[in-house]
Amino acid sequence: MSTLEIDGGYAGIRFSACHFIPQHEKCSRLHGHSYIVRLRLEGEIGENGMIMDFVVLKKKLKEMIDEMDHAVLLPARSEIVKITAEEDSVLVDNCGKKYMFPRMDVRMLDVPTTTAEEMSKMMAEKLVNEIKIPENVRSLSVGLDEERGQTAWYTVILQ
């Protein structure tokens, strides 16, 4: 078995955004990160001499991060955070902490909370669902650095 890896730190697959984690002692406060995305595929080398084409993967990763770059990331599936979208603004109640953001600055993510773990899962599943993964690929993993040395990984087993 072989491994293909994209290190977003070197490949320019990074974004800055702010978020909060409800009910966390420190991280319940609104704060930001300069995220770096990593990707790892494991599988057999195909007939074309590759596990998969880097270009396809990098293009989709960049498309995903462009949506989140310099935005307020909110958990659309949270049972704790109450979000009310109005015409020009988004009102957020985070366990009694109230925020109002311009609607254009907010990205509603399909996650229950905006942890690196949940966001790496969201990204991995989106990649698997939106691009054609060759049959020789056994697994796809997305890692999301909140800072260097602090990465959350999520793996989708394909075979």
C-alpha atoms as a PDB file:
ATOM      1  CA  MET A   1       0.000   0.000   0.000  1.00  0.00           C
ATOM      2  CA  SER A   2       1.160   3.544  -0.783  1.00  0.00           C
ATOM      3  CA  THR A   3       0.398   6.950   0.702  1.00  0.00           C
ATOM      4  CA  LEU A   4      -0.233  10.292  -0.971  1.00  0.00           C
ATOM      5  CA  GLU A   5      -0.073  13.334   1.292  1.00  0.00           C
ATOM      6  CA  ILE A   6      -0.779  17.039   0.812  1.00  0.00           C
ATOM      7  CA  ASP A   7       0.663  19.354   3.450  1.00  0.00           C
ATOM      8  CA  GLY A   8      -1.397  22.546   3.284  1.00  0.00           C
ATOM      9  CA  GLY A   9       1.337  24.463   5.097  1.00  0.00           C
ATOM     10  CA  TYR A  10       3.576  24.096   2.076  1.00  0.00           C
ATOM     11  CA  ALA A  11       0.853  23.831  -0.573  1.00  0.00           C
ATOM     12  CA  GLY A  12      -0.919  27.049   0.488  1.00  0.00           C
ATOM     13  CA  ILE A  13      -4.084  25.301   1.643  1.00  0.00           C
ATOM     14  CA  ARG A  14      -4.768  27.399   4.692  1.00  0.00           C
ATOM     15  CA  PHE A  15      -7.432  29.771   5.944  1.00  0.00           C
ATOM     16  CA  SER A  16      -8.113  32.113   8.836  1.00  0.00           C
ATOM     17  CA  ALA A  17     -11.448  32.144  10.632  1.00  0.00           C
ATOM     18  CA  CYS A  18     -13.019  32.629  14.032  1.00  0.00           C
ATOM     19  CA  HIS A  19     -15.265  30.343  16.046  1.00  0.00           C
ATOM     20  CA  PHE A  20     -16.186  29.315  19.569  1.00  0.00           C
ATOM     21  CA  ILE A  21     -16.810  25.992  21.294  1.00  0.00           C
ATOM     22  CA  PRO A  22     -19.921  26.161  23.506  1.00  0.00           C
ATOM     23  CA  GLN A  23     -19.517  25.282  27.196  1.00  0.00           C
ATOM     24  CA  HIS A  24     -15.720  24.987  26.969  1.00  0.00           C
ATOM     25  CA  GLU A  25     -13.928  26.747  29.812  1.00  0.00           C
ATOM     26  CA  LYS A  26     -11.620  28.801  27.596  1.00  0.00           C
ATOM     27  CA  CYS A  27     -12.713  28.199  23.995  1.00  0.00           C
ATOM     28  CA  SER A  28     -16.320  29.291  24.535  1.00  0.00           C
ATOM     29  CA  ARG A  29     -15.023  32.801  23.904  1.00  0.00           C
ATOM     30  CA  LEU A  30     -14.964  33.984  20.307  1.00  0.00           C
ATOM     31  CA  HIS A  31     -11.424  33.471  18.997  1.00  0.00           C
ATOM     32  CA  GLY A  32      -9.594  32.790  15.748  1.00  0.00           C
ATOM     33  CA  HIS A  33      -7.100  30.445  14.162  1.00  0.00           C
ATOM     34  CA  SER A  34      -4.917  30.273  11.099  1.00  0.00           C
ATOM     35  CA  TYR A  35      -5.930  26.780  10.003  1.00  0.00           C
ATOM     36  CA  ILE A  36      -3.830  24.486   7.822  1.00  0.00           C
ATOM     37  CA  VAL A  37      -5.476  21.612   5.939  1.00  0.00           C
ATOM     38  CA  ARG A  38      -3.714  18.297   5.417  1.00  0.00           C
ATOM     39  CA  LEU A  39      -4.850  15.379   3.308  1.00  0.00           C
ATOM     40  CA  ARG A  40      -3.703  11.777   3.187  1.00  0.00           C
ATOM     41  CA  LEU A  41      -4.802   9.014   0.819  1.00  0.00           C
ATOM     42  CA  GLU A  42      -3.828   5.385   1.212  1.00  0.00           C
ATOM     43  CA  GLY A  43      -4.155   2.850  -1.559  1.00  0.00           C
ATOM     44  CA  GLU A  44      -2.466   1.059  -4.366  1.00  0.00           C
ATOM     45  CA  ILE A  45      -0.631   2.784  -7.182  1.00  0.00           C
ATOM     46  CA  GLY A  46      -2.957   2.786 -10.187  1.00  0.00           C
ATOM     47  CA  GLU A  47      -2.255   2.044 -13.837  1.00  0.00           C
ATOM     48  CA  ASN A  48      -1.325   5.713 -14.369  1.00  0.00           C
ATOM     49  CA  GLY A  49       1.475   5.415 -11.788  1.00  0.00           C
ATOM     50  CA  MET A  50      -0.424   7.454  -9.155  1.00  0.00           C
ATOM     51  CA  ILE A  51      -2.712   6.805  -6.227  1.00  0.00           C
ATOM     52  CA  MET A  52      -4.689   9.867  -7.383  1.00  0.00           C
ATOM     53  CA  ASP A  53      -3.993  13.136  -9.174  1.00  0.00           C
ATOM     54  CA  PHE A  54      -2.843  15.867  -6.747  1.00  0.00           C
ATOM     55  CA  VAL A  55      -4.415  18.555  -8.939  1.00  0.00           C
ATOM     56  CA  VAL A  56      -7.995  17.329  -8.430  1.00  0.00           C
ATOM     57  CA  LEU A  57      -7.548  17.115  -4.657  1.00  0.00           C
ATOM     58  CA  LYS A  58      -5.853  20.494  -4.262  1.00  0.00           C
ATOM     59  CA  LYS A  59      -8.480  22.231  -6.396  1.00  0.00           C
ATOM     60  CA  LYS A  60     -11.349  20.888  -4.263  1.00  0.00           C
ATOM     61  CA  LEU A  61      -9.555  21.644  -0.992  1.00  0.00           C
ATOM     62  CA  LYS A  62      -8.912  25.235  -2.077  1.00  0.00           C
ATOM     63  CA  GLU A  63     -12.555  25.613  -3.105  1.00  0.00           C
ATOM     64  CA  MET A  64     -13.658  24.447   0.365  1.00  0.00           C
ATOM     65  CA  ILE A  65     -11.305  26.714   2.300  1.00  0.00           C
ATOM     66  CA  ASP A  66     -12.131  29.763   0.176  1.00  0.00           C
ATOM     67  CA  GLU A  67     -15.681  29.514   1.545  1.00  0.00           C
ATOM     68  CA  MET A  68     -14.445  29.615   5.149  1.00  0.00           C
ATOM     69  CA  ASP A  69     -11.536  32.046   4.873  1.00  0.00           C
ATOM     70  CA  HIS A  70     -11.871  35.212   6.980  1.00  0.00           C
ATOM     71  CA  ALA A  71     -15.333  34.257   8.204  1.00  0.00           C
ATOM     72  CA  VAL A  72     -17.180  33.556  11.431  1.00  0.00           C
ATOM     73  CA  LEU A  73     -17.803  29.795  11.502  1.00  0.00           C
ATOM     74  CA  LEU A  74     -21.081  28.759  13.129  1.00  0.00           C
ATOM     75  CA  PRO A  75     -22.389  25.248  13.896  1.00  0.00           C
ATOM     76  CA  ALA A  76     -25.644  24.907  11.939  1.00  0.00           C
ATOM     77  CA  ARG A  77     -26.509  21.563  13.616  1.00  0.00           C
ATOM     78  CA  SER A  78     -25.883  22.639  17.220  1.00  0.00           C
ATOM     79  CA  GLU A  79     -28.496  21.747  19.813  1.00  0.00           C
ATOM     80  CA  ILE A  80     -26.958  24.306  22.193  1.00  0.00           C
ATOM     81  CA  VAL A  81     -26.214  27.356  20.030  1.00  0.00           C
ATOM     82  CA  LYS A  82     -29.309  29.227  18.878  1.00  0.00           C
ATOM     83  CA  ILE A  83     -28.843  30.940  15.512  1.00  0.00           C
ATOM     84  CA  THR A  84     -31.323  33.341  13.940  1.00  0.00           C
ATOM     85  CA  ALA A  85     -30.582  34.558  10.427  1.00  0.00           C
ATOM     86  CA  GLU A  86     -32.154  37.864   9.499  1.00  0.00           C
ATOM     87  CA  GLU A  87     -31.949  39.792   6.230  1.00  0.00           C
ATOM     88  CA  ASP A  88     -28.582  41.463   6.861  1.00  0.00           C
ATOM     89  CA  SER A  89     -27.441  39.938  10.143  1.00  0.00           C
ATOM     90  CA  VAL A  90     -27.105  36.724  12.101  1.00  0.00           C
ATOM     91  CA  LEU A  91     -27.983  36.633  15.787  1.00  0.00           C
ATOM     92  CA  VAL A  92     -26.268  34.004  17.908  1.00  0.00           C
ATOM     93  CA  ASP A  93     -26.991  32.913  21.473  1.00  0.00           C
ATOM     94  CA  ASN A  94     -24.092  30.843  22.753  1.00  0.00           C
ATOM     95  CA  CYS A  95     -25.294  29.678  26.173  1.00  0.00           C
ATOM     96  CA  GLY A  96     -26.336  33.211  27.162  1.00  0.00           C
ATOM     97  CA  LYS A  97     -23.560  35.029  25.288  1.00  0.00           C
ATOM     98  CA  LYS A  98     -25.206  37.013  22.513  1.00  0.00           C
ATOM     99  CA  TYR A  99     -23.515  38.020  19.272  1.00  0.00           C
ATOM    100  CA  MET A 100     -24.686  39.788  16.141  1.00  0.00           C
ATOM    101  CA  PHE A 101     -22.677  39.402  12.937  1.00  0.00           C
ATOM    102  CA  PRO A 102     -23.139  40.778   9.429  1.00  0.00           C
ATOM    103  CA  ARG A 103     -24.707  37.950   7.412  1.00  0.00           C
ATOM    104  CA  MET A 104     -22.008  38.247   4.738  1.00  0.00           C
ATOM    105  CA  ASP A 105     -19.302  37.449   7.341  1.00  0.00           C
ATOM    106  CA  VAL A 106     -20.896  34.206   8.574  1.00  0.00           C
ATOM    107  CA  ARG A 107     -20.547  30.651   7.273  1.00  0.00           C
ATOM    108  CA  MET A 108     -23.039  28.125   8.588  1.00  0.00           C
ATOM    109  CA  LEU A 109     -21.243  24.777   8.695  1.00  0.00           C
ATOM    110  CA  ASP A 110     -23.000  21.423   8.649  1.00  0.00           C
ATOM    111  CA  VAL A 111     -21.549  20.436  12.045  1.00  0.00           C
ATOM    112  CA  PRO A 112     -22.849  20.213  15.630  1.00  0.00           C
ATOM    113  CA  THR A 113     -19.854  22.218  16.872  1.00  0.00           C
ATOM    114  CA  THR A 114     -16.949  23.969  15.144  1.00  0.00           C
ATOM    115  CA  THR A 115     -14.144  21.917  16.657  1.00  0.00           C
ATOM    116  CA  ALA A 116     -11.231  20.892  14.449  1.00  0.00           C
ATOM    117  CA  GLU A 117     -12.451  17.296  14.793  1.00  0.00           C
ATOM    118  CA  GLU A 118     -15.924  18.052  13.432  1.00  0.00           C
ATOM    119  CA  MET A 119     -14.610  20.338  10.692  1.00  0.00           C
ATOM    120  CA  SER A 120     -12.059  17.730   9.500  1.00  0.00           C
ATOM    121  CA  LYS A 121     -14.900  15.160   9.406  1.00  0.00           C
ATOM    122  CA  MET A 122     -17.078  17.581   7.400  1.00  0.00           C
ATOM    123  CA  MET A 123     -14.255  18.227   4.929  1.00  0.00           C
ATOM    124  CA  ALA A 124     -13.369  14.535   4.493  1.00  0.00           C
ATOM    125  CA  GLU A 125     -16.980  13.562   3.852  1.00  0.00           C
ATOM    126  CA  LYS A 126     -17.428  16.443   1.422  1.00  0.00           C
ATOM    127  CA  LEU A 127     -14.355  15.350  -0.558  1.00  0.00           C
ATOM    128  CA  VAL A 128     -15.598  11.762  -0.767  1.00  0.00           C
ATOM    129  CA  ASN A 129     -19.083  12.888  -1.851  1.00  0.00           C
ATOM    130  CA  GLU A 130     -18.046  15.562  -4.362  1.00  0.00           C
ATOM    131  CA  ILE A 131     -15.047  14.197  -6.248  1.00  0.00           C
ATOM    132  CA  LYS A 132     -14.471  10.913  -8.027  1.00  0.00           C
ATOM    133  CA  ILE A 133     -12.100   8.858  -5.907  1.00  0.00           C
ATOM    134  CA  PRO A 134     -10.372   6.058  -7.875  1.00  0.00           C
ATOM    135  CA  GLU A 135     -11.155   2.486  -6.839  1.00  0.00           C
ATOM    136  CA  ASN A 136      -7.526   1.872  -5.848  1.00  0.00           C
ATOM    137  CA  VAL A 137      -7.860   4.345  -2.920  1.00  0.00           C
ATOM    138  CA  ARG A 138      -8.577   2.579   0.382  1.00  0.00           C
ATOM    139  CA  SER A 139      -8.929   5.570   2.703  1.00  0.00           C
ATOM    140  CA  LEU A 140      -9.015   9.352   2.692  1.00  0.00           C
ATOM    141  CA  SER A 141      -8.025  11.362   5.768  1.00  0.00           C
ATOM    142  CA  VAL A 142      -8.269  15.102   6.389  1.00  0.00           C
ATOM    143  CA  GLY A 143      -6.211  16.776   9.088  1.00  0.00           C
ATOM    144  CA  LEU A 144      -6.961  20.281  10.304  1.00  0.00           C
ATOM    145  CA  ASP A 145      -4.290  22.204  12.238  1.00  0.00           C
ATOM    146  CA  GLU A 146      -5.554  24.868  14.611  1.00  0.00           C
ATOM    147  CA  GLU A 147      -1.912  25.634  15.166  1.00  0.00           C
ATOM    148  CA  ARG A 148       1.304  23.823  14.311  1.00  0.00           C
ATOM    149  CA  GLY A 149       1.555  20.620  16.302  1.00  0.00           C
ATOM    150  CA  GLN A 150      -2.180  20.511  17.075  1.00  0.00           C
ATOM    151  CA  THR A 151      -4.010  18.593  14.339  1.00  0.00           C
ATOM    152  CA  ALA A 152      -7.372  16.795  14.324  1.00  0.00           C
ATOM    153  CA  TRP A 153      -7.718  13.975  11.778  1.00  0.00           C
ATOM    154  CA  TYR A 154     -10.771  12.224  10.352  1.00  0.00           C
ATOM    155  CA  THR A 155     -10.551   9.147   8.117  1.00  0.00           C
ATOM    156  CA  VAL A 156     -13.128   7.756   5.685  1.00  0.00           C
ATOM    157  CA  ILE A 157     -12.550   4.079   4.868  1.00  0.00           C
ATOM    158  CA  LEU A 158     -13.463   3.506   1.233  1.00  0.00           C
ATOM    159  CA  GLN A 159     -12.809  -0.245   0.874  1.00  0.00           C
END
